[in-house]
C-alpha cells in the first residue's frame, strides 16, 4: 500500500481497536434492540459484503 511505517502502524492499531470493540457493540445492539438471531443475521450480511 506504499505507506510509511508510522501510517501503517496507526492503521493496524485502528483496525485492532475496531475489531476488538465490535463484539461489544454487537452485543449491546442484540440485547437492547434487535434480539440475538436478528443481530447475528445482520452481522453475517455485513460480513459477506
Protein backbone atom coordinates (compact mmCIF):
# COMPACT_ATOMS: atom_id res chain seq x y z
CA UNK A 1 0.00 0.00 0.00
CA UNK A 2 3.08 2.20 -0.03
CA UNK A 3 2.61 3.53 3.49
CA UNK A 4 5.37 4.75 5.69
CA UNK A 5 5.94 2.86 8.95
CA UNK A 6 4.14 5.41 11.12
CA UNK A 7 0.98 5.38 9.00
CA UNK A 8 0.96 1.60 8.71
CA UNK A 9 1.31 1.17 12.48
CA UNK A 10 -1.51 3.64 13.10
CA UNK A 11 -3.78 1.82 10.64
CA UNK A 12 -3.06 -1.55 12.23
CA UNK A 13 -3.80 -0.14 15.67
CA UNK A 14 -7.08 1.37 14.47
CA UNK A 15 -8.06 -1.95 12.87
CA UNK A 16 -7.21 -3.88 16.04
CA UNK A 17 -9.21 -1.44 18.16
CA UNK A 18 -12.27 -1.58 15.94
CA UNK A 19 -12.25 -5.37 15.71
CA UNK A 20 -11.89 -5.60 19.48
CA UNK A 21 -14.82 -3.26 20.17
CA UNK A 22 -17.27 -4.53 17.55
CA UNK A 23 -18.41 -7.61 19.55
CA UNK A 24 -19.26 -5.34 22.48
CA UNK A 25 -21.24 -3.04 20.20
CA UNK A 26 -22.99 -6.02 18.59
CA UNK A 27 -23.85 -7.46 21.99
CA UNK A 28 -25.34 -4.17 23.11
CA UNK A 29 -27.45 -3.90 19.95
CA UNK A 30 -28.58 -7.52 20.32
CA UNK A 31 -29.58 -7.14 23.96
CA UNK A 32 -31.15 -3.71 23.73
CA UNK A 33 -32.86 -3.62 20.34
CA UNK A 34 -32.79 -6.44 17.81
CA UNK A 35 -32.51 -9.74 19.60
CA UNK A 36 -29.88 -12.43 19.28
CA UNK A 37 -30.80 -14.02 15.96
CA UNK A 38 -31.60 -10.81 14.11
CA UNK A 39 -28.26 -9.34 15.14
CA UNK A 40 -26.35 -12.44 14.07
CA UNK A 41 -28.15 -12.42 10.72
CA UNK A 42 -27.47 -8.71 10.14
CA UNK A 43 -23.82 -9.15 11.13
CA UNK A 44 -23.44 -12.02 8.68
CA UNK A 45 -24.89 -9.93 5.87
CA UNK A 46 -22.49 -7.07 6.64
CA UNK A 47 -19.58 -9.52 6.87
CA UNK A 48 -20.38 -11.05 3.47
CA UNK A 49 -20.43 -7.67 1.78
